[in-house]
């Protein structure tokens, strides 16, 4: 699964720590999600999406098998 968290953070001028604090996780969790090393739970994905005011599908993208 890919995500646009880094892009969304840049657009809103938000640090990883600010996002982490807002959604109740560690900065390391945000780093891992951004790098694709950790898949967030459904509730966390929803919190992140709501933080940016966008749909889950806009922030998180499923990679389709060809």
PDB file of N, CA and C in Angstrom:
ATOM      1  N   UNK A   1       0.838  -1.173   0.000  1.00  0.00           N
ATOM      2  CA  UNK A   1       0.000   0.000   0.000  1.00  0.00           C
ATOM      3  C   UNK A   1       0.888   1.243   0.000  1.00  0.00           C
ATOM      4  N   UNK A   2       0.593   2.158  -0.873  1.00  0.00           N
ATOM      5  CA  UNK A   2       1.308   3.429  -0.927  1.00  0.00           C
ATOM      6  C   UNK A   2       0.487   4.474  -0.177  1.00  0.00           C
ATOM      7  N   UNK A   3       1.128   5.582   0.149  1.00  0.00           N
ATOM      8  CA  UNK A   3       0.397   6.662   0.799  1.00  0.00           C
ATOM      9  C   UNK A   3       0.972   8.010   0.391  1.00  0.00           C
ATOM     10  N   UNK A   4       0.181   9.044   0.637  1.00  0.00           N
ATOM     11  CA  UNK A   4       0.569  10.410   0.282  1.00  0.00           C
ATOM     12  C   UNK A   4       0.759  11.274   1.526  1.00  0.00           C
ATOM     13  N   UNK A   5       1.096  10.645   2.638  1.00  0.00           N
ATOM     14  CA  UNK A   5       1.210  11.395   3.889  1.00  0.00           C
ATOM     15  C   UNK A   5       2.291  12.469   3.800  1.00  0.00           C
ATOM     16  N   UNK A   6       3.443  12.119   3.264  1.00  0.00           N
ATOM     17  CA  UNK A   6       4.538  13.093   3.179  1.00  0.00           C
ATOM     18  C   UNK A   6       4.126  14.304   2.337  1.00  0.00           C
ATOM     19  N   UNK A   7       3.454  14.051   1.231  1.00  0.00           N
ATOM     20  CA  UNK A   7       2.978  15.133   0.359  1.00  0.00           C
ATOM     21  C   UNK A   7       1.957  16.000   1.095  1.00  0.00           C
ATOM     22  N   UNK A   8       1.022  15.349   1.763  1.00  0.00           N
ATOM     23  CA  UNK A   8      -0.013  16.084   2.503  1.00  0.00           C
ATOM     24  C   UNK A   8       0.609  16.905   3.636  1.00  0.00           C
ATOM     25  N   UNK A   9       1.600  16.343   4.315  1.00  0.00           N
ATOM     26  CA  UNK A   9       2.273  17.092   5.381  1.00  0.00           C
ATOM     27  C   UNK A   9       2.960  18.330   4.834  1.00  0.00           C
ATOM     28  N   UNK A  10       3.609  18.175   3.682  1.00  0.00           N
ATOM     29  CA  UNK A  10       4.308  19.307   3.062  1.00  0.00           C
ATOM     30  C   UNK A  10       3.318  20.406   2.673  1.00  0.00           C
ATOM     31  N   UNK A  11       2.181  20.001   2.132  1.00  0.00           N
ATOM     32  CA  UNK A  11       1.176  20.991   1.722  1.00  0.00           C
ATOM     33  C   UNK A  11       0.623  21.764   2.916  1.00  0.00           C
ATOM     34  N   UNK A  12       0.486  21.097   4.054  1.00  0.00           N
ATOM     35  CA  UNK A  12      -0.043  21.751   5.253  1.00  0.00           C
ATOM     36  C   UNK A  12       1.052  22.288   6.165  1.00  0.00           C
ATOM     37  N   UNK A  13       2.314  22.084   5.776  1.00  0.00           N
ATOM     38  CA  UNK A  13       3.461  22.515   6.577  1.00  0.00           C
ATOM     39  C   UNK A  13       3.374  21.948   7.997  1.00  0.00           C
ATOM     40  N   UNK A  14       3.219  20.619   8.056  1.00  0.00           N
ATOM     41  CA  UNK A  14       3.083  19.897   9.318  1.00  0.00           C
ATOM     42  C   UNK A  14       4.256  18.936   9.457  1.00  0.00           C
ATOM     43  N   UNK A  15       4.853  18.888  10.638  1.00  0.00           N
ATOM     44  CA  UNK A  15       5.962  17.959  10.869  1.00  0.00           C
ATOM     45  C   UNK A  15       5.413  16.566  11.185  1.00  0.00           C
ATOM     46  N   UNK A  16       6.303  15.595  11.121  1.00  0.00           N
ATOM     47  CA  UNK A  16       5.914  14.237  11.502  1.00  0.00           C
ATOM     48  C   UNK A  16       5.462  14.211  12.954  1.00  0.00           C
ATOM     49  N   UNK A  17       6.138  14.956  13.805  1.00  0.00           N
ATOM     50  CA  UNK A  17       5.775  14.987  15.226  1.00  0.00           C
ATOM     51  C   UNK A  17       4.397  15.611  15.438  1.00  0.00           C
ATOM     52  N   UNK A  18       4.098  16.681  14.719  1.00  0.00           N
ATOM     53  CA  UNK A  18       2.785  17.313  14.852  1.00  0.00           C
ATOM     54  C   UNK A  18       1.672  16.370  14.427  1.00  0.00           C
ATOM     55  N   UNK A  19       1.893  15.655  13.331  1.00  0.00           N
ATOM     56  CA  UNK A  19       0.898  14.689  12.883  1.00  0.00           C
ATOM     57  C   UNK A  19       0.759  13.571  13.899  1.00  0.00           C
ATOM     58  N   UNK A  20       1.882  13.061  14.380  1.00  0.00           N
ATOM     59  CA  UNK A  20       1.861  11.981  15.371  1.00  0.00           C
ATOM     60  C   UNK A  20       1.088  12.398  16.615  1.00  0.00           C
ATOM     61  N   UNK A  21       1.353  13.594  17.113  1.00  0.00           N
ATOM     62  CA  UNK A  21       0.648  14.093  18.293  1.00  0.00           C
ATOM     63  C   UNK A  21      -0.851  14.207  18.036  1.00  0.00           C
ATOM     64  N   UNK A  22      -1.213  14.670  16.852  1.00  0.00           N
ATOM     65  CA  UNK A  22      -2.626  14.877  16.517  1.00  0.00           C
ATOM     66  C   UNK A  22      -3.409  13.569  16.431  1.00  0.00           C
ATOM     67  N   UNK A  23      -2.743  12.501  16.002  1.00  0.00           N
ATOM     68  CA  UNK A  23      -3.453  11.223  15.833  1.00  0.00           C
ATOM     69  C   UNK A  23      -3.124  10.209  16.929  1.00  0.00           C
ATOM     70  N   UNK A  24      -2.276  10.597  17.881  1.00  0.00           N
ATOM     71  CA  UNK A  24      -2.019   9.764  19.041  1.00  0.00           C
ATOM     72  C   UNK A  24      -1.064   8.603  18.856  1.00  0.00           C
ATOM     73  N   UNK A  25      -0.030   8.813  18.033  1.00  0.00           N
ATOM     74  CA  UNK A  25       0.997   7.785  17.843  1.00  0.00           C
ATOM     75  C   UNK A  25       2.366   8.433  17.972  1.00  0.00           C
ATOM     76  N   UNK A  26       3.423   7.624  17.909  1.00  0.00           N
ATOM     77  CA  UNK A  26       4.778   8.163  17.972  1.00  0.00           C
ATOM     78  C   UNK A  26       5.208   8.676  16.590  1.00  0.00           C
ATOM     79  N   UNK A  27       6.211   9.538  16.603  1.00  0.00           N
ATOM     80  CA  UNK A  27       6.766  10.022  15.337  1.00  0.00           C
ATOM     81  C   UNK A  27       7.332   8.862  14.533  1.00  0.00           C
ATOM     82  N   UNK A  28       7.901   7.878  15.220  1.00  0.00           N
ATOM     83  CA  UNK A  28       8.468   6.713  14.542  1.00  0.00           C
ATOM     84  C   UNK A  28       7.390   5.937  13.773  1.00  0.00           C
ATOM     85  N   UNK A  29       6.179   5.924  14.308  1.00  0.00           N
ATOM     86  CA  UNK A  29       5.072   5.259  13.607  1.00  0.00           C
ATOM     87  C   UNK A  29       4.768   5.989  12.305  1.00  0.00           C
ATOM     88  N   UNK A  30       4.747   7.307  12.350  1.00  0.00           N
ATOM     89  CA  UNK A  30       4.491   8.096  11.134  1.00  0.00           C
ATOM     90  C   UNK A  30       5.600   7.859  10.121  1.00  0.00           C
ATOM     91  N   UNK A  31       6.845   7.835  10.574  1.00  0.00           N
ATOM     92  CA  UNK A  31       7.981   7.570   9.681  1.00  0.00           C
ATOM     93  C   UNK A  31       7.787   6.217   8.997  1.00  0.00           C
ATOM     94  N   UNK A  32       7.469   5.195   9.782  1.00  0.00           N
ATOM     95  CA  UNK A  32       7.305   3.841   9.233  1.00  0.00           C
ATOM     96  C   UNK A  32       6.150   3.771   8.238  1.00  0.00           C
ATOM     97  N   UNK A  33       5.055   4.456   8.529  1.00  0.00           N
ATOM     98  CA  UNK A  33       3.919   4.460   7.597  1.00  0.00           C
ATOM     99  C   UNK A  33       4.318   5.159   6.301  1.00  0.00           C
ATOM    100  N   UNK A  34       4.958   6.331   6.410  1.00  0.00           N
ATOM    101  CA  UNK A  34       5.374   7.082   5.216  1.00  0.00           C
ATOM    102  C   UNK A  34       6.289   6.251   4.325  1.00  0.00           C
ATOM    103  N   UNK A  35       7.174   5.469   4.928  1.00  0.00           N
ATOM    104  CA  UNK A  35       8.129   4.670   4.161  1.00  0.00           C
ATOM    105  C   UNK A  35       7.549   3.339   3.702  1.00  0.00           C
ATOM    106  N   UNK A  36       6.305   3.064   4.054  1.00  0.00           N
ATOM    107  CA  UNK A  36       5.666   1.827   3.621  1.00  0.00           C
ATOM    108  C   UNK A  36       6.099   0.595   4.397  1.00  0.00           C
ATOM    109  N   UNK A  37       6.718   0.803   5.554  1.00  0.00           N
ATOM    110  CA  UNK A  37       7.173  -0.319   6.376  1.00  0.00           C
ATOM    111  C   UNK A  37       6.123  -0.769   7.386  1.00  0.00           C
ATOM    112  N   UNK A  38       5.069   0.025   7.556  1.00  0.00           N
ATOM    113  CA  UNK A  38       4.031  -0.283   8.532  1.00  0.00           C
ATOM    114  C   UNK A  38       2.687   0.110   7.949  1.00  0.00           C
ATOM    115  N   UNK A  39       1.724  -0.801   8.015  1.00  0.00           N
ATOM    116  CA  UNK A  39       0.369  -0.497   7.569  1.00  0.00           C
ATOM    117  C   UNK A  39      -0.454  -0.057   8.772  1.00  0.00           C
ATOM    118  N   UNK A  40      -1.053   1.115   8.697  1.00  0.00           N
ATOM    119  CA  UNK A  40      -1.829   1.583   9.846  1.00  0.00           C
ATOM    120  C   UNK A  40      -3.112   0.776  10.002  1.00  0.00           C
ATOM    121  N   UNK A  41      -3.598   0.726  11.227  1.00  0.00           N
ATOM    122  CA  UNK A  41      -4.904   0.116  11.473  1.00  0.00           C
ATOM    123  C   UNK A  41      -5.968   0.977  10.791  1.00  0.00           C
ATOM    124  N   UNK A  42      -7.135   0.427  10.633  1.00  0.00           N
ATOM    125  CA  UNK A  42      -8.227   1.195  10.022  1.00  0.00           C
ATOM    126  C   UNK A  42      -8.525   2.463  10.816  1.00  0.00           C
ATOM    127  N   UNK A  43      -8.657   2.377  12.156  1.00  0.00           N
ATOM    128  CA  UNK A  43      -8.914   3.619  12.907  1.00  0.00           C
ATOM    129  C   UNK A  43      -7.810   4.663  12.729  1.00  0.00           C
ATOM    130  N   UNK A  44      -6.556   4.232  12.692  1.00  0.00           N
ATOM    131  CA  UNK A  44      -5.456   5.189  12.512  1.00  0.00           C
ATOM    132  C   UNK A  44      -5.489   5.797  11.116  1.00  0.00           C
ATOM    133  N   UNK A  45      -5.761   4.997  10.105  1.00  0.00           N
ATOM    134  CA  UNK A  45      -5.862   5.523   8.737  1.00  0.00           C
ATOM    135  C   UNK A  45      -6.971   6.570   8.653  1.00  0.00           C
ATOM    136  N   UNK A  46      -8.074   6.325   9.334  1.00  0.00           N
ATOM    137  CA  UNK A  46      -9.189   7.284   9.339  1.00  0.00           C
ATOM    138  C   UNK A  46      -8.777   8.563  10.066  1.00  0.00           C
ATOM    139  N   UNK A  47      -8.098   8.442  11.201  1.00  0.00           N
ATOM    140  CA  UNK A  47      -7.640   9.633  11.931  1.00  0.00           C
ATOM    141  C   UNK A  47      -6.701  10.476  11.081  1.00  0.00           C
ATOM    142  N   UNK A  48      -5.768   9.818  10.390  1.00  0.00           N
ATOM    143  CA  UNK A  48      -4.824  10.544   9.538  1.00  0.00           C
ATOM    144  C   UNK A  48      -5.576  11.250   8.410  1.00  0.00           C
ATOM    145  N   UNK A  49      -6.496  10.556   7.789  1.00  0.00           N
ATOM    146  CA  UNK A  49      -7.273  11.144   6.697  1.00  0.00           C
ATOM    147  C   UNK A  49      -8.095  12.329   7.176  1.00  0.00           C
ATOM    148  N   UNK A  50      -8.727  12.189   8.312  1.00  0.00           N
ATOM    149  CA  UNK A  50      -9.523  13.297   8.872  1.00  0.00           C
ATOM    150  C   UNK A  50      -8.642  14.485   9.211  1.00  0.00           C
ATOM    151  N   UNK A  51      -7.438  14.224   9.713  1.00  0.00           N
ATOM    152  CA  UNK A  51      -6.502  15.306  10.029  1.00  0.00           C
ATOM    153  C   UNK A  51      -6.257  16.167   8.795  1.00  0.00           C
ATOM    154  N   UNK A  52      -6.112  15.522   7.640  1.00  0.00           N
ATOM    155  CA  UNK A  52      -5.860  16.250   6.400  1.00  0.00           C
ATOM    156  C   UNK A  52      -7.134  16.686   5.693  1.00  0.00           C
ATOM    157  N   UNK A  53      -8.294  16.269   6.204  1.00  0.00           N
ATOM    158  CA  UNK A  53      -9.562  16.657   5.586  1.00  0.00           C
ATOM    159  C   UNK A  53      -9.780  16.001   4.244  1.00  0.00           C
ATOM    160  N   UNK A  54      -9.264  14.790   4.097  1.00  0.00           N
ATOM    161  CA  UNK A  54      -9.385  14.066   2.826  1.00  0.00           C
ATOM    162  C   UNK A  54      -9.892  12.657   3.093  1.00  0.00           C
ATOM    163  N   UNK A  55     -10.321  11.988   2.036  1.00  0.00           N
ATOM    164  CA  UNK A  55     -10.805  10.617   2.187  1.00  0.00           C
ATOM    165  C   UNK A  55      -9.631   9.659   2.385  1.00  0.00           C
ATOM    166  N   UNK A  56      -9.918   8.524   2.991  1.00  0.00           N
ATOM    167  CA  UNK A  56      -8.901   7.491   3.186  1.00  0.00           C
ATOM    168  C   UNK A  56      -8.312   7.091   1.840  1.00  0.00           C
ATOM    169  N   UNK A  57      -9.169   6.984   0.830  1.00  0.00           N
ATOM    170  CA  UNK A  57      -8.721   6.562  -0.502  1.00  0.00           C
ATOM    171  C   UNK A  57      -7.796   7.582  -1.161  1.00  0.00           C
ATOM    172  N   UNK A  58      -7.886   8.832  -0.741  1.00  0.00           N
ATOM    173  CA  UNK A  58      -7.002   9.868  -1.278  1.00  0.00           C
ATOM    174  C   UNK A  58      -5.609   9.778  -0.652  1.00  0.00           C
ATOM    175  N   UNK A  59      -5.553   9.429   0.621  1.00  0.00           N
ATOM    176  CA  UNK A  59      -4.288   9.358   1.343  1.00  0.00           C
ATOM    177  C   UNK A  59      -3.590   8.022   1.143  1.00  0.00           C
ATOM    178  N   UNK A  60      -4.373   6.939   1.163  1.00  0.00           N
ATOM    179  CA  UNK A  60      -3.816   5.582   1.072  1.00  0.00           C
ATOM    180  C   UNK A  60      -4.256   4.933  -0.239  1.00  0.00           C
ATOM    181  N   UNK A  61      -3.287   4.411  -0.974  1.00  0.00           N
ATOM    182  CA  UNK A  61      -3.554   3.841  -2.298  1.00  0.00           C
ATOM    183  C   UNK A  61      -3.187   2.365  -2.332  1.00  0.00           C
ATOM    184  N   UNK A  62      -4.151   1.535  -2.702  1.00  0.00           N
ATOM    185  CA  UNK A  62      -3.866   0.114  -2.850  1.00  0.00           C
ATOM    186  C   UNK A  62      -3.046  -0.089  -4.112  1.00  0.00           C
ATOM    187  N   UNK A  63      -2.060  -0.952  -4.016  1.00  0.00           N
ATOM    188  CA  UNK A  63      -1.269  -1.301  -5.201  1.00  0.00           C
ATOM    189  C   UNK A  63      -1.915  -2.532  -5.841  1.00  0.00           C
ATOM    190  N   UNK A  64      -2.367  -2.359  -7.038  1.00  0.00           N
ATOM    191  CA  UNK A  64      -3.031  -3.438  -7.766  1.00  0.00           C
ATOM    192  C   UNK A  64      -1.988  -4.362  -8.386  1.00  0.00           C
ATOM    193  N   UNK A  65      -2.257  -5.666  -8.338  1.00  0.00           N
ATOM    194  CA  UNK A  65      -1.392  -6.620  -9.046  1.00  0.00           C
ATOM    195  C   UNK A  65      -1.704  -6.556 -10.521  1.00  0.00           C
ATOM    196  N   UNK A  66      -0.658  -6.579 -11.346  1.00  0.00           N
ATOM    197  CA  UNK A  66      -0.877  -6.515 -12.800  1.00  0.00           C
ATOM    198  C   UNK A  66      -1.144  -7.870 -13.360  1.00  0.00           C
TER     199      UNK A  66
END
